[in-house]
Amino acid sequence: PFEQALTRLTRDGQDTPEIEALRWAIEEYRVSIFAQSLGTDTPVSAKRLQRLQRKAERGPEAGIE
């Protein structure tokens, strides 16, 4: 579902800091699931991805945590 949200958000070519944060968090989440021994730079979870997705959907005025 997060990949679909990212695709939907970037469909019009928009690339905000919030969308970029979501994109990188998705990559970190993949690492945490499929390559656990590598570890991640920042803590990531489905809950954190949901929060980043909501911020990306609201746009730049929402800010980044």
N, C-alpha and C. Protein backbone atom coordinates (compact mmCIF):
# COMPACT_ATOMS: atom_id res chain seq x y z
N PRO A 1 0.80 -1.22 0.00
CA PRO A 1 0.00 0.00 0.00
C PRO A 1 0.84 1.28 0.00
N PHE A 2 2.05 1.24 0.59
CA PHE A 2 2.87 2.45 0.62
C PHE A 2 3.45 2.75 -0.75
N GLU A 3 3.81 1.71 -1.49
CA GLU A 3 4.30 1.91 -2.85
C GLU A 3 3.22 2.52 -3.72
N GLN A 4 1.99 2.04 -3.57
CA GLN A 4 0.87 2.59 -4.34
C GLN A 4 0.65 4.06 -4.00
N ALA A 5 0.74 4.39 -2.74
CA ALA A 5 0.58 5.78 -2.33
C ALA A 5 1.69 6.64 -2.93
N LEU A 6 2.91 6.14 -2.92
CA LEU A 6 4.04 6.88 -3.49
C LEU A 6 3.83 7.09 -4.99
N THR A 7 3.39 6.06 -5.68
CA THR A 7 3.12 6.17 -7.11
C THR A 7 2.05 7.22 -7.37
N ARG A 8 0.99 7.19 -6.58
CA ARG A 8 -0.10 8.15 -6.73
C ARG A 8 0.40 9.58 -6.48
N LEU A 9 1.22 9.75 -5.45
CA LEU A 9 1.71 11.07 -5.10
C LEU A 9 2.67 11.63 -6.15
N THR A 10 3.42 10.78 -6.81
CA THR A 10 4.41 11.25 -7.79
C THR A 10 3.90 11.20 -9.22
N ARG A 11 2.67 10.80 -9.40
CA ARG A 11 2.11 10.65 -10.75
C ARG A 11 2.22 11.94 -11.56
N ASP A 12 2.04 13.08 -10.93
CA ASP A 12 2.07 14.36 -11.65
C ASP A 12 3.47 14.98 -11.71
N GLY A 13 4.47 14.22 -11.32
CA GLY A 13 5.85 14.70 -11.38
C GLY A 13 6.26 15.53 -10.18
N GLN A 14 5.39 15.64 -9.21
CA GLN A 14 5.68 16.41 -8.01
C GLN A 14 6.70 15.66 -7.14
N ASP A 15 7.64 16.40 -6.55
CA ASP A 15 8.63 15.78 -5.67
C ASP A 15 8.94 16.73 -4.52
N THR A 16 8.15 16.64 -3.47
CA THR A 16 8.33 17.50 -2.30
C THR A 16 9.25 16.82 -1.30
N PRO A 17 9.76 17.55 -0.33
CA PRO A 17 10.57 16.91 0.73
C PRO A 17 9.80 15.81 1.46
N GLU A 18 8.49 15.98 1.61
CA GLU A 18 7.67 14.96 2.28
C GLU A 18 7.60 13.68 1.47
N ILE A 19 7.48 13.82 0.16
CA ILE A 19 7.44 12.65 -0.72
C ILE A 19 8.80 11.96 -0.71
N GLU A 20 9.86 12.75 -0.74
CA GLU A 20 11.22 12.18 -0.70
C GLU A 20 11.45 11.43 0.61
N ALA A 21 10.96 11.98 1.72
CA ALA A 21 11.09 11.31 3.02
C ALA A 21 10.34 9.98 3.01
N LEU A 22 9.16 9.96 2.41
CA LEU A 22 8.38 8.73 2.31
C LEU A 22 9.12 7.71 1.44
N ARG A 23 9.66 8.16 0.32
CA ARG A 23 10.40 7.26 -0.59
C ARG A 23 11.55 6.58 0.14
N TRP A 24 12.35 7.34 0.87
CA TRP A 24 13.49 6.77 1.58
C TRP A 24 13.06 5.87 2.73
N ALA A 25 11.98 6.23 3.40
CA ALA A 25 11.48 5.40 4.49
C ALA A 25 11.01 4.05 3.96
N ILE A 26 10.40 4.04 2.78
CA ILE A 26 9.98 2.78 2.17
C ILE A 26 11.19 1.90 1.89
N GLU A 27 12.26 2.51 1.38
CA GLU A 27 13.49 1.75 1.11
C GLU A 27 14.07 1.19 2.41
N GLU A 28 14.10 2.00 3.45
CA GLU A 28 14.61 1.54 4.75
C GLU A 28 13.75 0.39 5.28
N TYR A 29 12.45 0.49 5.08
CA TYR A 29 11.53 -0.56 5.54
C TYR A 29 11.82 -1.87 4.81
N ARG A 30 12.08 -1.78 3.51
CA ARG A 30 12.44 -2.98 2.74
C ARG A 30 13.69 -3.63 3.31
N VAL A 31 14.68 -2.81 3.61
CA VAL A 31 15.92 -3.35 4.19
C VAL A 31 15.61 -4.03 5.52
N SER A 32 14.78 -3.39 6.34
CA SER A 32 14.48 -3.96 7.66
C SER A 32 13.74 -5.28 7.55
N ILE A 33 13.01 -5.49 6.47
CA ILE A 33 12.26 -6.73 6.27
C ILE A 33 13.11 -7.81 5.59
N PHE A 34 13.77 -7.43 4.48
CA PHE A 34 14.42 -8.43 3.64
C PHE A 34 15.92 -8.58 3.85
N ALA A 35 16.55 -7.62 4.49
CA ALA A 35 18.00 -7.70 4.72
C ALA A 35 18.30 -7.22 6.13
N GLN A 36 17.71 -7.87 7.09
CA GLN A 36 17.80 -7.44 8.48
C GLN A 36 19.23 -7.30 8.97
N SER A 37 20.11 -8.14 8.48
CA SER A 37 21.50 -8.09 8.95
C SER A 37 22.20 -6.78 8.57
N LEU A 38 21.71 -6.09 7.54
CA LEU A 38 22.30 -4.81 7.15
C LEU A 38 21.94 -3.69 8.12
N GLY A 39 20.78 -3.78 8.71
CA GLY A 39 20.32 -2.72 9.60
C GLY A 39 19.83 -1.52 8.80
N THR A 40 19.24 -0.56 9.49
CA THR A 40 18.75 0.65 8.83
C THR A 40 19.36 1.88 9.50
N ASP A 41 19.42 2.98 8.76
CA ASP A 41 19.96 4.23 9.30
C ASP A 41 19.05 4.83 10.36
N THR A 42 17.75 4.70 10.13
CA THR A 42 16.77 5.26 11.07
C THR A 42 15.73 4.20 11.39
N PRO A 43 15.13 4.28 12.56
CA PRO A 43 14.06 3.33 12.89
C PRO A 43 12.90 3.50 11.91
N VAL A 44 12.35 2.40 11.48
CA VAL A 44 11.24 2.46 10.52
C VAL A 44 10.24 1.36 10.85
N SER A 45 8.98 1.69 10.70
CA SER A 45 7.91 0.73 10.95
C SER A 45 6.72 1.11 10.08
N ALA A 46 5.74 0.22 10.02
CA ALA A 46 4.53 0.51 9.25
C ALA A 46 3.84 1.76 9.79
N LYS A 47 3.84 1.91 11.09
CA LYS A 47 3.21 3.08 11.71
C LYS A 47 3.91 4.37 11.29
N ARG A 48 5.23 4.35 11.27
CA ARG A 48 5.98 5.53 10.83
C ARG A 48 5.72 5.82 9.36
N LEU A 49 5.62 4.77 8.55
CA LEU A 49 5.32 4.96 7.13
C LEU A 49 3.94 5.58 6.95
N GLN A 50 2.98 5.16 7.72
CA GLN A 50 1.64 5.74 7.64
C GLN A 50 1.67 7.23 7.97
N ARG A 51 2.43 7.59 8.99
CA ARG A 51 2.55 8.99 9.38
C ARG A 51 3.20 9.81 8.26
N LEU A 52 4.27 9.28 7.67
CA LEU A 52 4.93 9.97 6.57
C LEU A 52 4.03 10.07 5.35
N GLN A 53 3.25 9.03 5.10
CA GLN A 53 2.31 9.06 3.97
C GLN A 53 1.28 10.17 4.16
N ARG A 54 0.73 10.29 5.36
CA ARG A 54 -0.26 11.34 5.62
C ARG A 54 0.36 12.73 5.42
N LYS A 55 1.60 12.91 5.88
CA LYS A 55 2.27 14.20 5.69
C LYS A 55 2.51 14.49 4.22
N ALA A 56 2.92 13.48 3.47
CA ALA A 56 3.16 13.67 2.04
C ALA A 56 1.86 14.01 1.32
N GLU A 57 0.77 13.41 1.74
CA GLU A 57 -0.52 13.70 1.11
C GLU A 57 -1.01 15.11 1.43
N ARG A 58 -0.66 15.61 2.61
CA ARG A 58 -1.05 16.98 2.99
C ARG A 58 -0.19 18.02 2.30
N GLY A 59 1.05 17.67 2.01
CA GLY A 59 1.92 18.60 1.30
C GLY A 59 2.95 19.28 2.18
N PRO A 60 3.68 20.24 1.60
CA PRO A 60 4.81 20.88 2.28
C PRO A 60 4.46 21.58 3.58
N GLU A 61 3.25 22.07 3.73
CA GLU A 61 2.90 22.79 4.95
C GLU A 61 2.86 21.89 6.17
N ALA A 62 2.86 20.56 5.98
CA ALA A 62 2.77 19.61 7.10
C ALA A 62 4.10 19.47 7.85
N GLY A 63 5.23 19.70 7.18
CA GLY A 63 6.53 19.54 7.85
C GLY A 63 6.97 18.09 7.91
N ILE A 64 8.21 17.87 8.31
CA ILE A 64 8.78 16.53 8.41
C ILE A 64 9.23 16.30 9.83
N GLU A 65 8.98 15.12 10.36
CA GLU A 65 9.46 14.75 11.69
C GLU A 65 10.82 14.11 11.58
